[in-house]
Amino acid sequence: MSELDPGLAALLKRNPDGLVPAIVQDATSGQVLMLAWMDDEALRRTLATRRATYWSRSRGQYWVKGETSGHVQAVREVRLDCDGDTLLLRVDQTGPACHTGTTTCFDGRLVLGESA
């Protein structure tokens, strides 16, 4: 198994658990779908396969989005923010992104803003 490119790894600013938040955005609509966590290995796997792979903090294991549900994320782009502490994945989403069955994890809980 290869390692994450050392140049990229040097740019990442990880939290104390070695994780970086990954914001996931629909590449076509621009809609924010979800937030997940990646460590170096999850990022390496994502870059190698173009299938979104994350670290599950609750289960303590890697998971490939859609591996069991079929709601896959085909990764078009991975970007690193200016501080190196957040990733942006632009994906082609198949099916709902949220484990609750909604299109995005940000449906239904408007805290501030104009309601439709």
Protein backbone atom coordinates (compact mmCIF):
# COMPACT_ATOMS: atom_id res chain seq x y z
CA MET A 1 0.00 0.00 0.00
CA SER A 2 1.44 3.37 -0.98
CA GLU A 3 1.39 6.49 1.16
CA LEU A 4 -0.14 9.88 0.61
CA ASP A 5 2.13 12.13 -1.44
CA PRO A 6 4.54 13.68 1.11
CA GLY A 7 4.16 17.14 -0.44
CA LEU A 8 0.40 17.03 0.02
CA ALA A 9 0.69 15.48 3.48
CA ALA A 10 2.96 18.37 4.55
CA LEU A 11 0.23 20.88 3.62
CA LEU A 12 -2.48 19.26 5.75
CA LYS A 13 -3.28 20.69 9.17
CA ARG A 14 -4.95 17.89 11.08
CA ASN A 15 -6.94 18.01 14.32
CA PRO A 16 -5.52 16.17 17.38
CA ASP A 17 -7.07 12.92 16.08
CA GLY A 18 -5.18 13.25 12.78
CA LEU A 19 -8.32 14.17 10.84
CA VAL A 20 -9.24 16.91 8.39
CA PRO A 21 -12.87 17.89 7.71
CA ALA A 22 -14.05 17.26 4.17
CA ILE A 23 -16.91 19.34 2.83
CA VAL A 24 -18.70 17.48 0.04
CA GLN A 25 -20.34 19.48 -2.74
CA ASP A 26 -22.38 18.37 -5.75
CA ALA A 27 -20.17 19.18 -8.74
CA THR A 28 -23.12 20.08 -10.96
CA SER A 29 -25.51 21.99 -8.71
CA GLY A 30 -23.02 23.39 -6.22
CA GLN A 31 -25.22 22.20 -3.34
CA VAL A 32 -23.36 21.29 -0.14
CA LEU A 33 -24.18 17.64 0.51
CA MET A 34 -22.41 16.68 3.72
CA LEU A 35 -19.38 16.97 5.93
CA ALA A 36 -17.17 13.98 6.68
CA TRP A 37 -13.69 13.34 8.06
CA MET A 38 -10.52 12.12 6.37
CA ASP A 39 -7.12 11.08 7.56
CA ASP A 40 -4.12 10.66 5.27
CA GLU A 41 -5.14 7.12 4.30
CA ALA A 42 -8.75 8.06 3.48
CA LEU A 43 -7.48 10.91 1.30
CA ARG A 44 -4.94 8.63 -0.38
CA ARG A 45 -7.65 6.06 -1.16
CA THR A 46 -9.98 8.77 -2.49
CA LEU A 47 -7.29 10.19 -4.77
CA ALA A 48 -6.32 6.71 -6.02
CA THR A 49 -9.85 5.47 -6.73
CA ARG A 50 -11.92 8.66 -7.25
CA ARG A 51 -14.49 7.11 -4.87
CA ALA A 52 -15.05 9.11 -1.71
CA THR A 53 -13.52 7.31 1.26
CA TYR A 54 -13.87 8.68 4.78
CA TRP A 55 -12.92 7.87 8.36
CA SER A 56 -15.92 7.08 10.53
CA ARG A 57 -15.31 8.53 13.98
CA SER A 58 -18.24 6.59 15.48
CA ARG A 59 -17.30 3.21 13.99
CA GLY A 60 -13.53 3.72 14.03
CA GLN A 61 -13.09 2.48 10.46
CA TYR A 62 -12.88 3.57 6.84
CA TRP A 63 -16.00 3.67 4.72
CA VAL A 64 -16.47 4.18 1.01
CA LYS A 65 -19.55 6.31 0.43
CA GLY A 66 -22.20 4.14 -1.19
CA GLU A 67 -20.45 0.82 -0.64
CA THR A 68 -23.54 -0.63 1.05
CA SER A 69 -26.28 1.84 0.02
CA GLY A 70 -25.36 2.32 -3.63
CA HIS A 71 -25.40 6.11 -3.09
CA VAL A 72 -21.88 6.58 -4.36
CA GLN A 73 -19.83 9.72 -4.69
CA ALA A 74 -17.68 9.80 -7.83
CA VAL A 75 -15.01 12.38 -7.06
CA ARG A 76 -14.35 14.99 -9.74
CA GLU A 77 -12.09 17.31 -7.72
CA VAL A 78 -10.38 17.51 -4.38
CA ARG A 79 -9.31 20.96 -3.20
CA LEU A 80 -7.41 22.07 -0.12
CA ASP A 81 -8.33 25.39 1.46
CA CYS A 82 -5.84 28.23 1.95
CA ASP A 83 -5.04 27.21 5.54
CA GLY A 84 -4.64 23.51 4.79
CA ASP A 85 -7.21 22.56 7.40
CA THR A 86 -10.27 21.74 5.26
CA LEU A 87 -10.80 19.68 2.13
CA LEU A 88 -13.48 20.27 -0.49
CA LEU A 89 -14.64 17.31 -2.54
CA ARG A 90 -16.67 18.06 -5.64
CA VAL A 91 -18.58 14.90 -6.53
CA ASP A 92 -21.15 13.35 -8.79
CA GLN A 93 -23.64 12.02 -6.25
CA THR A 94 -25.80 8.99 -7.01
CA GLY A 95 -28.90 8.94 -4.80
CA PRO A 96 -29.22 10.79 -1.51
CA ALA A 97 -26.04 11.91 0.24
CA CYS A 98 -27.41 11.78 3.79
CA HIS A 99 -27.78 8.55 5.75
CA THR A 100 -31.33 9.71 6.61
CA GLY A 101 -32.28 9.44 2.93
CA THR A 102 -32.34 13.16 2.13
CA THR A 103 -30.47 14.73 -0.76
CA THR A 104 -28.19 16.64 1.58
CA CYS A 105 -27.42 16.43 5.30
CA PHE A 106 -28.44 20.10 5.52
CA ASP A 107 -32.12 19.61 4.63
CA GLY A 108 -34.80 20.48 7.15
CA ARG A 109 -32.98 22.32 9.93
CA LEU A 110 -32.90 25.97 8.97
CA VAL A 111 -31.39 27.90 11.88
CA LEU A 112 -31.35 31.36 10.31
CA GLY A 113 -32.50 32.58 6.93
CA GLU A 114 -35.50 32.93 4.71
CA SER A 115 -37.82 29.97 4.45
CA ALA A 116 -38.93 28.98 0.99
